[in-house]
C-alpha cells in the first residue's frame, strides 16, 4: 500500500496564494518607479517571481533544501525592501514598507512551519 502525503502540495498552494497578495501589492509600486532606478527595479522584479517556482519545486521534490532556498529568496526580498525605502532611492514609502513586510511575513511563517513538518 502506497501512502501519499498530499499536504505538501496543499502547503505550497496556500503559500503561493499568500505570496501572490504580496506580489499584487508590490508589482505596481515597482512598475511606477522612476526610470533612473531601472537597474534596481529589474533586479527586484527578477527576485520577485523566483520564489513561486521554488515553492512548486519544493512541493514536488519534498526536499527541505529547496524550502531553505525559498527562505533565502524571501530574505533577499526583505533586503531589497530595506534598500528601496531608505536613502536617496525612496521608491517605497515607510507605510508601504510596513505593509509589504507584513504581507511577506505571512508566507514566511507558513514556509517555516512547512520546513519543521518535513
PDB file of N, CA and C in Angstrom:
ATOM      1  N   UNK A   1       0.838  -1.178   0.000  1.00  0.00           N
ATOM      2  CA  UNK A   1       0.000   0.000   0.000  1.00  0.00           C
ATOM      3  C   UNK A   1       0.885   1.244   0.000  1.00  0.00           C
ATOM      4  N   UNK A   2       0.628   2.135  -0.901  1.00  0.00           N
ATOM      5  CA  UNK A   2       1.392   3.377  -1.011  1.00  0.00           C
ATOM      6  C   UNK A   2       0.592   4.489  -0.357  1.00  0.00           C
ATOM      7  N   UNK A   3       1.255   5.186   0.553  1.00  0.00           N
ATOM      8  CA  UNK A   3       0.615   6.310   1.232  1.00  0.00           C
ATOM      9  C   UNK A   3       1.243   7.586   0.698  1.00  0.00           C
ATOM     10  N   UNK A   4       0.419   8.463   0.189  1.00  0.00           N
ATOM     11  CA  UNK A   4       0.911   9.733  -0.351  1.00  0.00           C
ATOM     12  C   UNK A   4       0.571  10.862   0.601  1.00  0.00           C
ATOM     13  N   UNK A   5       1.511  11.765   0.724  1.00  0.00           N
ATOM     14  CA  UNK A   5       1.272  12.937   1.559  1.00  0.00           C
ATOM     15  C   UNK A   5       0.933  14.102   0.647  1.00  0.00           C
ATOM     16  N   UNK A   6      -0.339  14.355   0.493  1.00  0.00           N
ATOM     17  CA  UNK A   6      -0.800  15.432  -0.383  1.00  0.00           C
ATOM     18  C   UNK A   6      -0.733  16.793   0.299  1.00  0.00           C
ATOM     19  N   UNK A   7      -0.389  16.824   1.582  1.00  0.00           N
ATOM     20  CA  UNK A   7      -0.341  18.090   2.313  1.00  0.00           C
ATOM     21  C   UNK A   7       0.733  19.009   1.784  1.00  0.00           C
ATOM     22  N   UNK A   8       1.817  18.458   1.249  1.00  0.00           N
ATOM     23  CA  UNK A   8       2.891  19.325   0.760  1.00  0.00           C
ATOM     24  C   UNK A   8       2.422  20.164  -0.423  1.00  0.00           C
ATOM     25  N   UNK A   9       1.646  19.570  -1.317  1.00  0.00           N
ATOM     26  CA  UNK A   9       1.121  20.335  -2.447  1.00  0.00           C
ATOM     27  C   UNK A   9       0.139  21.395  -1.955  1.00  0.00           C
ATOM     28  N   UNK A  10      -0.658  21.038  -0.977  1.00  0.00           N
ATOM     29  CA  UNK A  10      -1.609  21.993  -0.413  1.00  0.00           C
ATOM     30  C   UNK A  10      -0.878  23.127   0.292  1.00  0.00           C
ATOM     31  N   UNK A  11       0.196  22.775   1.018  1.00  0.00           N
ATOM     32  CA  UNK A  11       1.001  23.803   1.686  1.00  0.00           C
ATOM     33  C   UNK A  11       1.576  24.776   0.675  1.00  0.00           C
ATOM     34  N   UNK A  12       2.103  24.241  -0.421  1.00  0.00           N
ATOM     35  CA  UNK A  12       2.701  25.101  -1.449  1.00  0.00           C
ATOM     36  C   UNK A  12       1.666  26.035  -2.050  1.00  0.00           C
ATOM     37  N   UNK A  13       0.487  25.510  -2.339  1.00  0.00           N
ATOM     38  CA  UNK A  13      -0.554  26.352  -2.926  1.00  0.00           C
ATOM     39  C   UNK A  13      -1.008  27.442  -1.965  1.00  0.00           C
ATOM     40  N   UNK A  14      -1.108  27.116  -0.690  1.00  0.00           N
ATOM     41  CA  UNK A  14      -1.515  28.126   0.294  1.00  0.00           C
ATOM     42  C   UNK A  14      -0.457  29.217   0.413  1.00  0.00           C
ATOM     43  N   UNK A  15       0.801  28.819   0.398  1.00  0.00           N
ATOM     44  CA  UNK A  15       1.883  29.811   0.481  1.00  0.00           C
ATOM     45  C   UNK A  15       1.900  30.667  -0.772  1.00  0.00           C
ATOM     46  N   UNK A  16       1.699  30.049  -1.927  1.00  0.00           N
ATOM     47  CA  UNK A  16       1.694  30.807  -3.184  1.00  0.00           C
ATOM     48  C   UNK A  16       0.557  31.826  -3.187  1.00  0.00           C
ATOM     49  N   UNK A  17      -0.600  31.448  -2.663  1.00  0.00           N
ATOM     50  CA  UNK A  17      -1.714  32.400  -2.596  1.00  0.00           C
ATOM     51  C   UNK A  17      -1.369  33.602  -1.726  1.00  0.00           C
ATOM     52  N   UNK A  18      -0.762  33.358  -0.575  1.00  0.00           N
ATOM     53  CA  UNK A  18      -0.354  34.468   0.302  1.00  0.00           C
ATOM     54  C   UNK A  18       0.731  35.304  -0.369  1.00  0.00           C
ATOM     55  N   UNK A  19       1.642  34.634  -1.053  1.00  0.00           N
ATOM     56  CA  UNK A  19       2.720  35.353  -1.721  1.00  0.00           C
ATOM     57  C   UNK A  19       2.184  36.190  -2.884  1.00  0.00           C
ATOM     58  N   UNK A  20       1.148  35.703  -3.549  1.00  0.00           N
ATOM     59  CA  UNK A  20       0.547  36.463  -4.647  1.00  0.00           C
ATOM     60  C   UNK A  20      -0.044  37.783  -4.156  1.00  0.00           C
ATOM     61  N   UNK A  21      -0.557  37.800  -2.938  1.00  0.00           N
ATOM     62  CA  UNK A  21      -1.064  39.054  -2.367  1.00  0.00           C
ATOM     63  C   UNK A  21       0.082  40.053  -2.232  1.00  0.00           C
ATOM     64  N   UNK A  22       1.253  39.566  -1.814  1.00  0.00           N
ATOM     65  CA  UNK A  22       2.443  40.416  -1.720  1.00  0.00           C
ATOM     66  C   UNK A  22       2.834  40.937  -3.099  1.00  0.00           C
ATOM     67  N   UNK A  23       2.855  40.046  -4.092  1.00  0.00           N
ATOM     68  CA  UNK A  23       3.239  40.435  -5.458  1.00  0.00           C
ATOM     69  C   UNK A  23       2.247  41.448  -6.020  1.00  0.00           C
ATOM     70  N   UNK A  24       0.960  41.198  -5.824  1.00  0.00           N
ATOM     71  CA  UNK A  24      -0.064  42.111  -6.361  1.00  0.00           C
ATOM     72  C   UNK A  24       0.030  43.510  -5.760  1.00  0.00           C
ATOM     73  N   UNK A  25       0.485  43.612  -4.534  1.00  0.00           N
ATOM     74  CA  UNK A  25       0.652  44.917  -3.908  1.00  0.00           C
ATOM     75  C   UNK A  25       1.957  45.585  -4.357  1.00  0.00           C
ATOM     76  N   UNK A  26       3.015  44.791  -4.481  1.00  0.00           N
ATOM     77  CA  UNK A  26       4.353  45.324  -4.727  1.00  0.00           C
ATOM     78  C   UNK A  26       4.618  45.627  -6.206  1.00  0.00           C
ATOM     79  N   UNK A  27       4.083  44.818  -7.099  1.00  0.00           N
ATOM     80  CA  UNK A  27       4.380  44.960  -8.529  1.00  0.00           C
ATOM     81  C   UNK A  27       4.022  46.346  -9.084  1.00  0.00           C
ATOM     82  N   UNK A  28       2.834  46.892  -8.814  1.00  0.00           N
ATOM     83  CA  UNK A  28       2.540  48.242  -9.340  1.00  0.00           C
ATOM     84  C   UNK A  28       3.475  49.314  -8.784  1.00  0.00           C
ATOM     85  N   UNK A  29       3.895  49.151  -7.542  1.00  0.00           N
ATOM     86  CA  UNK A  29       4.834  50.122  -6.964  1.00  0.00           C
ATOM     87  C   UNK A  29       6.141  50.096  -7.740  1.00  0.00           C
ATOM     88  N   UNK A  30       6.627  48.888  -8.044  1.00  0.00           N
ATOM     89  CA  UNK A  30       7.876  48.771  -8.803  1.00  0.00           C
ATOM     90  C   UNK A  30       7.734  49.312 -10.224  1.00  0.00           C
ATOM     91  N   UNK A  31       6.610  49.021 -10.852  1.00  0.00           N
ATOM     92  CA  UNK A  31       6.408  49.475 -12.225  1.00  0.00           C
ATOM     93  C   UNK A  31       6.337  50.995 -12.322  1.00  0.00           C
ATOM     94  N   UNK A  32       5.909  51.646 -11.259  1.00  0.00           N
ATOM     95  CA  UNK A  32       5.810  53.103 -11.254  1.00  0.00           C
ATOM     96  C   UNK A  32       7.065  53.786 -10.727  1.00  0.00           C
ATOM     97  N   UNK A  33       8.118  53.018 -10.510  1.00  0.00           N
ATOM     98  CA  UNK A  33       9.359  53.608 -10.006  1.00  0.00           C
ATOM     99  C   UNK A  33      10.027  54.446 -11.097  1.00  0.00           C
ATOM    100  N   UNK A  34      10.807  55.441 -10.692  1.00  0.00           N
ATOM    101  CA  UNK A  34      11.465  56.308 -11.674  1.00  0.00           C
ATOM    102  C   UNK A  34      12.423  55.532 -12.583  1.00  0.00           C
ATOM    103  N   UNK A  35      12.557  55.994 -13.785  1.00  0.00           N
ATOM    104  CA  UNK A  35      13.390  55.323 -14.785  1.00  0.00           C
ATOM    105  C   UNK A  35      14.857  55.284 -14.370  1.00  0.00           C
ATOM    106  N   UNK A  36      15.301  56.246 -13.593  1.00  0.00           N
ATOM    107  CA  UNK A  36      16.710  56.281 -13.193  1.00  0.00           C
ATOM    108  C   UNK A  36      17.082  55.120 -12.268  1.00  0.00           C
ATOM    109  N   UNK A  37      16.079  54.443 -11.707  1.00  0.00           N
ATOM    110  CA  UNK A  37      16.315  53.276 -10.859  1.00  0.00           C
ATOM    111  C   UNK A  37      16.007  51.977 -11.608  1.00  0.00           C
ATOM    112  N   UNK A  38      16.143  51.991 -12.909  1.00  0.00           N
ATOM    113  CA  UNK A  38      15.774  50.850 -13.749  1.00  0.00           C
ATOM    114  C   UNK A  38      16.549  49.580 -13.451  1.00  0.00           C
ATOM    115  N   UNK A  39      17.838  49.691 -13.185  1.00  0.00           N
ATOM    116  CA  UNK A  39      18.649  48.504 -12.905  1.00  0.00           C
ATOM    117  C   UNK A  39      18.191  47.850 -11.603  1.00  0.00           C
ATOM    118  N   UNK A  40      17.968  48.654 -10.586  1.00  0.00           N
ATOM    119  CA  UNK A  40      17.491  48.135  -9.305  1.00  0.00           C
ATOM    120  C   UNK A  40      16.098  47.537  -9.457  1.00  0.00           C
ATOM    121  N   UNK A  41      15.234  48.228 -10.175  1.00  0.00           N
ATOM    122  CA  UNK A  41      13.881  47.726 -10.398  1.00  0.00           C
ATOM    123  C   UNK A  41      13.902  46.363 -11.091  1.00  0.00           C
ATOM    124  N   UNK A  42      14.752  46.216 -12.100  1.00  0.00           N
ATOM    125  CA  UNK A  42      14.836  44.942 -12.812  1.00  0.00           C
ATOM    126  C   UNK A  42      15.360  43.820 -11.918  1.00  0.00           C
ATOM    127  N   UNK A  43      16.302  44.139 -11.045  1.00  0.00           N
ATOM    128  CA  UNK A  43      16.824  43.130 -10.114  1.00  0.00           C
ATOM    129  C   UNK A  43      15.744  42.694  -9.130  1.00  0.00           C
ATOM    130  N   UNK A  44      14.974  43.647  -8.640  1.00  0.00           N
ATOM    131  CA  UNK A  44      13.909  43.320  -7.692  1.00  0.00           C
ATOM    132  C   UNK A  44      12.807  42.528  -8.391  1.00  0.00           C
ATOM    133  N   UNK A  45      12.467  42.905  -9.605  1.00  0.00           N
ATOM    134  CA  UNK A  45      11.443  42.168 -10.356  1.00  0.00           C
ATOM    135  C   UNK A  45      11.870  40.721 -10.592  1.00  0.00           C
ATOM    136  N   UNK A  46      13.142  40.510 -10.894  1.00  0.00           N
ATOM    137  CA  UNK A  46      13.628  39.139 -11.107  1.00  0.00           C
ATOM    138  C   UNK A  46      13.511  38.316  -9.834  1.00  0.00           C
ATOM    139  N   UNK A  47      13.837  38.929  -8.706  1.00  0.00           N
ATOM    140  CA  UNK A  47      13.766  38.183  -7.449  1.00  0.00           C
ATOM    141  C   UNK A  47      12.334  38.082  -6.931  1.00  0.00           C
ATOM    142  N   UNK A  48      11.436  38.883  -7.460  1.00  0.00           N
ATOM    143  CA  UNK A  48      10.047  38.864  -7.025  1.00  0.00           C
ATOM    144  C   UNK A  48       9.326  37.595  -7.477  1.00  0.00           C
ATOM    145  N   UNK A  49       9.656  37.103  -8.651  1.00  0.00           N
ATOM    146  CA  UNK A  49       8.949  35.955  -9.200  1.00  0.00           C
ATOM    147  C   UNK A  49       9.661  34.623  -8.975  1.00  0.00           C
ATOM    148  N   UNK A  50      10.885  34.644  -8.503  1.00  0.00           N
ATOM    149  CA  UNK A  50      11.641  33.413  -8.277  1.00  0.00           C
ATOM    150  C   UNK A  50      11.045  32.505  -7.200  1.00  0.00           C
ATOM    151  N   UNK A  51      10.538  33.024  -6.076  1.00  0.00           N
ATOM    152  CA  UNK A  51      10.018  32.121  -5.042  1.00  0.00           C
ATOM    153  C   UNK A  51       8.842  31.257  -5.485  1.00  0.00           C
ATOM    154  N   UNK A  52       8.060  31.722  -6.431  1.00  0.00           N
ATOM    155  CA  UNK A  52       6.902  30.939  -6.871  1.00  0.00           C
ATOM    156  C   UNK A  52       7.361  29.620  -7.474  1.00  0.00           C
ATOM    157  N   UNK A  53       8.339  29.680  -8.356  1.00  0.00           N
ATOM    158  CA  UNK A  53       8.873  28.452  -8.948  1.00  0.00           C
ATOM    159  C   UNK A  53       9.525  27.584  -7.884  1.00  0.00           C
ATOM    160  N   UNK A  54      10.234  28.202  -6.958  1.00  0.00           N
ATOM    161  CA  UNK A  54      10.881  27.445  -5.893  1.00  0.00           C
ATOM    162  C   UNK A  54       9.894  26.699  -5.019  1.00  0.00           C
ATOM    163  N   UNK A  55       8.746  27.301  -4.761  1.00  0.00           N
ATOM    164  CA  UNK A  55       7.730  26.637  -3.942  1.00  0.00           C
ATOM    165  C   UNK A  55       7.171  25.400  -4.645  1.00  0.00           C
ATOM    166  N   UNK A  56       6.928  25.513  -5.934  1.00  0.00           N
ATOM    167  CA  UNK A  56       6.413  24.355  -6.667  1.00  0.00           C
ATOM    168  C   UNK A  56       7.464  23.246  -6.769  1.00  0.00           C
ATOM    169  N   UNK A  57       8.725  23.627  -6.954  1.00  0.00           N
ATOM    170  CA  UNK A  57       9.792  22.627  -6.990  1.00  0.00           C
ATOM    171  C   UNK A  57       9.912  21.926  -5.638  1.00  0.00           C
ATOM    172  N   UNK A  58       9.786  22.669  -4.561  1.00  0.00           N
ATOM    173  CA  UNK A  58       9.877  22.082  -3.223  1.00  0.00           C
ATOM    174  C   UNK A  58       8.707  21.139  -2.965  1.00  0.00           C
ATOM    175  N   UNK A  59       7.524  21.509  -3.433  1.00  0.00           N
ATOM    176  CA  UNK A  59       6.350  20.662  -3.223  1.00  0.00           C
ATOM    177  C   UNK A  59       6.492  19.340  -3.960  1.00  0.00           C
ATOM    178  N   UNK A  60       7.045  19.394  -5.161  1.00  0.00           N
ATOM    179  CA  UNK A  60       7.199  18.173  -5.953  1.00  0.00           C
ATOM    180  C   UNK A  60       8.320  17.282  -5.439  1.00  0.00           C
ATOM    181  N   UNK A  61       9.419  17.896  -5.012  1.00  0.00           N
ATOM    182  CA  UNK A  61      10.587  17.104  -4.616  1.00  0.00           C
ATOM    183  C   UNK A  61      10.558  16.692  -3.144  1.00  0.00           C
ATOM    184  N   UNK A  62       9.799  17.432  -2.326  1.00  0.00           N
ATOM    185  CA  UNK A  62       9.728  17.193  -0.881  1.00  0.00           C
ATOM    186  C   UNK A  62      11.114  17.246  -0.224  1.00  0.00           C
ATOM    187  N   UNK A  63      11.948  18.146  -0.714  1.00  0.00           N
ATOM    188  CA  UNK A  63      13.287  18.339  -0.167  1.00  0.00           C
ATOM    189  C   UNK A  63      13.316  19.615   0.657  1.00  0.00           C
ATOM    190  N   UNK A  64      13.814  19.495   1.873  1.00  0.00           N
ATOM    191  CA  UNK A  64      13.886  20.651   2.764  1.00  0.00           C
ATOM    192  C   UNK A  64      14.852  21.694   2.212  1.00  0.00           C
ATOM    193  N   UNK A  65      15.878  21.242   1.504  1.00  0.00           N
ATOM    194  CA  UNK A  65      16.859  22.182   0.958  1.00  0.00           C
ATOM    195  C   UNK A  65      16.219  23.164  -0.012  1.00  0.00           C
ATOM    196  N   UNK A  66      15.207  22.727  -0.734  1.00  0.00           N
ATOM    197  CA  UNK A  66      14.506  23.632  -1.654  1.00  0.00           C
ATOM    198  C   UNK A  66      13.705  24.672  -0.870  1.00  0.00           C
ATOM    199  N   UNK A  67      13.199  24.269   0.300  1.00  0.00           N
ATOM    200  CA  UNK A  67      12.480  25.225   1.145  1.00  0.00           C
ATOM    201  C   UNK A  67      13.437  26.270   1.705  1.00  0.00           C
ATOM    202  N   UNK A  68      14.651  25.833   2.052  1.00  0.00           N
ATOM    203  CA  UNK A  68      15.651  26.785   2.534  1.00  0.00           C
ATOM    204  C   UNK A  68      16.029  27.775   1.433  1.00  0.00           C
ATOM    205  N   UNK A  69      16.052  27.326   0.188  1.00  0.00           N
ATOM    206  CA  UNK A  69      16.351  28.220  -0.930  1.00  0.00           C
ATOM    207  C   UNK A  69      15.261  29.279  -1.084  1.00  0.00           C
ATOM    208  N   UNK A  70      14.007  28.872  -0.924  1.00  0.00           N
ATOM    209  CA  UNK A  70      12.895  29.831  -0.997  1.00  0.00           C
ATOM    210  C   UNK A  70      12.973  30.815   0.166  1.00  0.00           C
ATOM    211  N   UNK A  71      13.341  30.308   1.340  1.00  0.00           N
ATOM    212  CA  UNK A  71      13.501  31.168   2.507  1.00  0.00           C
ATOM    213  C   UNK A  71      14.596  32.214   2.260  1.00  0.00           C
ATOM    214  N   UNK A  72      15.662  31.809   1.594  1.00  0.00           N
ATOM    215  CA  UNK A  72      16.729  32.755   1.248  1.00  0.00           C
ATOM    216  C   UNK A  72      16.229  33.796   0.243  1.00  0.00           C
ATOM    217  N   UNK A  73      15.363  33.382  -0.668  1.00  0.00           N
ATOM    218  CA  UNK A  73      14.787  34.339  -1.621  1.00  0.00           C
ATOM    219  C   UNK A  73      13.895  35.356  -0.907  1.00  0.00           C
ATOM    220  N   UNK A  74      13.161  34.902   0.113  1.00  0.00           N
ATOM    221  CA  UNK A  74      12.354  35.827   0.913  1.00  0.00           C
ATOM    222  C   UNK A  74      13.264  36.822   1.649  1.00  0.00           C
ATOM    223  N   UNK A  75      14.391  36.333   2.165  1.00  0.00           N
ATOM    224  CA  UNK A  75      15.334  37.216   2.858  1.00  0.00           C
ATOM    225  C   UNK A  75      15.912  38.243   1.890  1.00  0.00           C
ATOM    226  N   UNK A  76      16.182  37.828   0.662  1.00  0.00           N
ATOM    227  CA  UNK A  76      16.676  38.753  -0.355  1.00  0.00           C
ATOM    228  C   UNK A  76      15.645  39.840  -0.637  1.00  0.00           C
ATOM    229  N   UNK A  77      14.384  39.457  -0.709  1.00  0.00           N
ATOM    230  CA  UNK A  77      13.325  40.449  -0.934  1.00  0.00           C
ATOM    231  C   UNK A  77      13.233  41.432   0.221  1.00  0.00           C
ATOM    232  N   UNK A  78      13.386  40.940   1.456  1.00  0.00           N
ATOM    233  CA  UNK A  78      13.367  41.858   2.605  1.00  0.00           C
ATOM    234  C   UNK A  78      14.527  42.850   2.527  1.00  0.00           C
ATOM    235  N   UNK A  79      15.694  42.384   2.073  1.00  0.00           N
ATOM    236  CA  UNK A  79      16.845  43.282   1.918  1.00  0.00           C
ATOM    237  C   UNK A  79      16.566  44.329   0.838  1.00  0.00           C
ATOM    238  N   UNK A  80      15.968  43.901  -0.272  1.00  0.00           N
ATOM    239  CA  UNK A  80      15.613  44.847  -1.319  1.00  0.00           C
ATOM    240  C   UNK A  80      14.595  45.869  -0.803  1.00  0.00           C
ATOM    241  N   UNK A  81      13.634  45.421  -0.002  1.00  0.00           N
ATOM    242  CA  UNK A  81      12.643  46.349   0.545  1.00  0.00           C
ATOM    243  C   UNK A  81      13.298  47.418   1.415  1.00  0.00           C
ATOM    244  N   UNK A  82      14.269  46.987   2.219  1.00  0.00           N
ATOM    245  CA  UNK A  82      15.000  47.962   3.043  1.00  0.00           C
ATOM    246  C   UNK A  82      15.702  48.974   2.154  1.00  0.00           C
ATOM    247  N   UNK A  83      16.337  48.489   1.108  1.00  0.00           N
ATOM    248  CA  UNK A  83      17.072  49.362   0.196  1.00  0.00           C
ATOM    249  C   UNK A  83      16.134  50.335  -0.520  1.00  0.00           C
ATOM    250  N   UNK A  84      14.975  49.843  -0.929  1.00  0.00           N
ATOM    251  CA  UNK A  84      14.031  50.668  -1.675  1.00  0.00           C
ATOM    252  C   UNK A  84      13.347  51.728  -0.818  1.00  0.00           C
ATOM    253  N   UNK A  85      13.393  51.563   0.493  1.00  0.00           N
ATOM    254  CA  UNK A  85      12.667  52.507   1.348  1.00  0.00           C
ATOM    255  C   UNK A  85      13.560  53.524   2.047  1.00  0.00           C
ATOM    256  N   UNK A  86      14.855  53.441   1.856  1.00  0.00           N
ATOM    257  CA  UNK A  86      15.723  54.369   2.573  1.00  0.00           C
ATOM    258  C   UNK A  86      16.663  55.099   1.627  1.00  0.00           C
ATOM    259  N   UNK A  87      17.335  56.064   2.174  1.00  0.00           N
ATOM    260  CA  UNK A  87      18.325  56.814   1.408  1.00  0.00           C
ATOM    261  C   UNK A  87      17.718  57.661   0.316  1.00  0.00           C
ATOM    262  N   UNK A  88      18.478  57.809  -0.753  1.00  0.00           N
ATOM    263  CA  UNK A  88      18.039  58.633  -1.859  1.00  0.00           C
ATOM    264  C   UNK A  88      17.130  57.908  -2.828  1.00  0.00           C
ATOM    265  N   UNK A  89      16.892  56.647  -2.601  1.00  0.00           N
ATOM    266  CA  UNK A  89      16.088  55.877  -3.554  1.00  0.00           C
ATOM    267  C   UNK A  89      14.600  56.148  -3.333  1.00  0.00           C
ATOM    268  N   UNK A  90      14.094  55.840  -2.149  1.00  0.00           N
ATOM    269  CA  UNK A  90      12.728  56.161  -1.722  1.00  0.00           C
ATOM    270  C   UNK A  90      11.643  55.766  -2.726  1.00  0.00           C
ATOM    271  N   UNK A  91      11.742  54.589  -3.322  1.00  0.00           N
ATOM    272  CA  UNK A  91      10.691  54.102  -4.216  1.00  0.00           C
ATOM    273  C   UNK A  91       9.489  53.656  -3.384  1.00  0.00           C
ATOM    274  N   UNK A  92       9.763  53.121  -2.203  1.00  0.00           N
ATOM    275  CA  UNK A  92       8.727  52.619  -1.305  1.00  0.00           C
ATOM    276  C   UNK A  92       8.622  53.556  -0.103  1.00  0.00           C
ATOM    277  N   UNK A  93       7.410  54.009   0.198  1.00  0.00           N
ATOM    278  CA  UNK A  93       7.203  54.875   1.361  1.00  0.00           C
ATOM    279  C   UNK A  93       7.302  54.040   2.642  1.00  0.00           C
ATOM    280  N   UNK A  94       7.502  54.686   3.788  1.00  0.00           N
ATOM    281  CA  UNK A  94       7.557  53.924   5.049  1.00  0.00           C
ATOM    282  C   UNK A  94       6.283  53.102   5.306  1.00  0.00           C
ATOM    283  N   UNK A  95       5.127  53.634   4.972  1.00  0.00           N
ATOM    284  CA  UNK A  95       3.875  52.898   5.160  1.00  0.00           C
ATOM    285  C   UNK A  95       3.819  51.679   4.230  1.00  0.00           C
ATOM    286  N   UNK A  96       4.199  51.867   2.966  1.00  0.00           N
ATOM    287  CA  UNK A  96       4.224  50.755   2.026  1.00  0.00           C
ATOM    288  C   UNK A  96       5.226  49.692   2.471  1.00  0.00           C
ATOM    289  N   UNK A  97       6.370  50.137   3.013  1.00  0.00           N
ATOM    290  CA  UNK A  97       7.380  49.215   3.514  1.00  0.00           C
ATOM    291  C   UNK A  97       6.801  48.355   4.630  1.00  0.00           C
ATOM    292  N   UNK A  98       6.068  48.990   5.533  1.00  0.00           N
ATOM    293  CA  UNK A  98       5.443  48.275   6.646  1.00  0.00           C
ATOM    294  C   UNK A  98       4.426  47.247   6.141  1.00  0.00           C
ATOM    295  N   UNK A  99       3.594  47.658   5.189  1.00  0.00           N
ATOM    296  CA  UNK A  99       2.577  46.757   4.633  1.00  0.00           C
ATOM    297  C   UNK A  99       3.246  45.603   3.882  1.00  0.00           C
ATOM    298  N   UNK A 100       4.277  45.906   3.109  1.00  0.00           N
ATOM    299  CA  UNK A 100       4.976  44.866   2.351  1.00  0.00           C
ATOM    300  C   UNK A 100       5.642  43.844   3.269  1.00  0.00           C
ATOM    301  N   UNK A 101       6.246  44.312   4.345  1.00  0.00           N
ATOM    302  CA  UNK A 101       6.859  43.380   5.300  1.00  0.00           C
ATOM    303  C   UNK A 101       5.807  42.482   5.940  1.00  0.00           C
ATOM    304  N   UNK A 102       4.652  43.043   6.257  1.00  0.00           N
ATOM    305  CA  UNK A 102       3.572  42.239   6.841  1.00  0.00           C
ATOM    306  C   UNK A 102       3.052  41.210   5.838  1.00  0.00           C
ATOM    307  N   UNK A 103       2.916  41.633   4.580  1.00  0.00           N
ATOM    308  CA  UNK A 103       2.445  40.705   3.553  1.00  0.00           C
ATOM    309  C   UNK A 103       3.459  39.593   3.282  1.00  0.00           C
ATOM    310  N   UNK A 104       4.741  39.896   3.396  1.00  0.00           N
ATOM    311  CA  UNK A 104       5.785  38.894   3.173  1.00  0.00           C
ATOM    312  C   UNK A 104       5.977  37.999   4.392  1.00  0.00           C
ATOM    313  N   UNK A 105       5.607  38.489   5.560  1.00  0.00           N
ATOM    314  CA  UNK A 105       5.771  37.696   6.776  1.00  0.00           C
ATOM    315  C   UNK A 105       4.829  36.487   6.802  1.00  0.00           C
ATOM    316  N   UNK A 106       3.633  36.641   6.248  1.00  0.00           N
ATOM    317  CA  UNK A 106       2.676  35.528   6.268  1.00  0.00           C
ATOM    318  C   UNK A 106       3.175  34.310   5.509  1.00  0.00           C
ATOM    319  N   UNK A 107       3.589  34.443   4.232  1.00  0.00           N
ATOM    320  CA  UNK A 107       4.125  33.240   3.572  1.00  0.00           C
ATOM    321  C   UNK A 107       5.417  32.758   4.226  1.00  0.00           C
ATOM    322  N   UNK A 108       6.167  33.661   4.826  1.00  0.00           N
ATOM    323  CA  UNK A 108       7.384  33.260   5.528  1.00  0.00           C
ATOM    324  C   UNK A 108       7.085  32.369   6.720  1.00  0.00           C
ATOM    325  N   UNK A 109       6.055  32.717   7.484  1.00  0.00           N
ATOM    326  CA  UNK A 109       5.648  31.892   8.621  1.00  0.00           C
ATOM    327  C   UNK A 109       5.162  30.524   8.148  1.00  0.00           C
ATOM    328  N   UNK A 110       4.388  30.523   7.082  1.00  0.00           N
ATOM    329  CA  UNK A 110       3.886  29.263   6.540  1.00  0.00           C
ATOM    330  C   UNK A 110       5.032  28.393   6.026  1.00  0.00           C
ATOM    331  N   UNK A 111       6.014  29.016   5.418  1.00  0.00           N
ATOM    332  CA  UNK A 111       7.169  28.284   4.915  1.00  0.00           C
ATOM    333  C   UNK A 111       7.962  27.667   6.067  1.00  0.00           C
ATOM    334  N   UNK A 112       8.145  28.415   7.138  1.00  0.00           N
ATOM    335  CA  UNK A 112       8.868  27.880   8.297  1.00  0.00           C
ATOM    336  C   UNK A 112       8.116  26.718   8.933  1.00  0.00           C
ATOM    337  N   UNK A 113       6.795  26.782   8.980  1.00  0.00           N
ATOM    338  CA  UNK A 113       6.009  25.668   9.507  1.00  0.00           C
ATOM    339  C   UNK A 113       6.158  24.434   8.611  1.00  0.00           C
ATOM    340  N   UNK A 114       6.194  24.654   7.311  1.00  0.00           N
ATOM    341  CA  UNK A 114       6.378  23.565   6.358  1.00  0.00           C
ATOM    342  C   UNK A 114       7.758  22.934   6.516  1.00  0.00           C
ATOM    343  N   UNK A 115       8.780  23.777   6.755  1.00  0.00           N
ATOM    344  CA  UNK A 115      10.134  23.262   6.980  1.00  0.00           C
ATOM    345  C   UNK A 115      10.179  22.371   8.212  1.00  0.00           C
ATOM    346  N   UNK A 116       9.533  22.787   9.280  1.00  0.00           N
ATOM    347  CA  UNK A 116       9.524  21.981  10.501  1.00  0.00           C
ATOM    348  C   UNK A 116       8.797  20.666  10.295  1.00  0.00           C
ATOM    349  N   UNK A 117       7.752  20.694   9.458  1.00  0.00           N
ATOM    350  CA  UNK A 117       6.980  19.471   9.211  1.00  0.00           C
ATOM    351  C   UNK A 117       7.796  18.446   8.418  1.00  0.00           C
ATOM    352  N   UNK A 118       8.619  18.924   7.486  1.00  0.00           N
ATOM    353  CA  UNK A 118       9.445  17.990   6.702  1.00  0.00           C
ATOM    354  C   UNK A 118      10.640  17.564   7.499  1.00  0.00           C
TER     355      UNK A 118
END
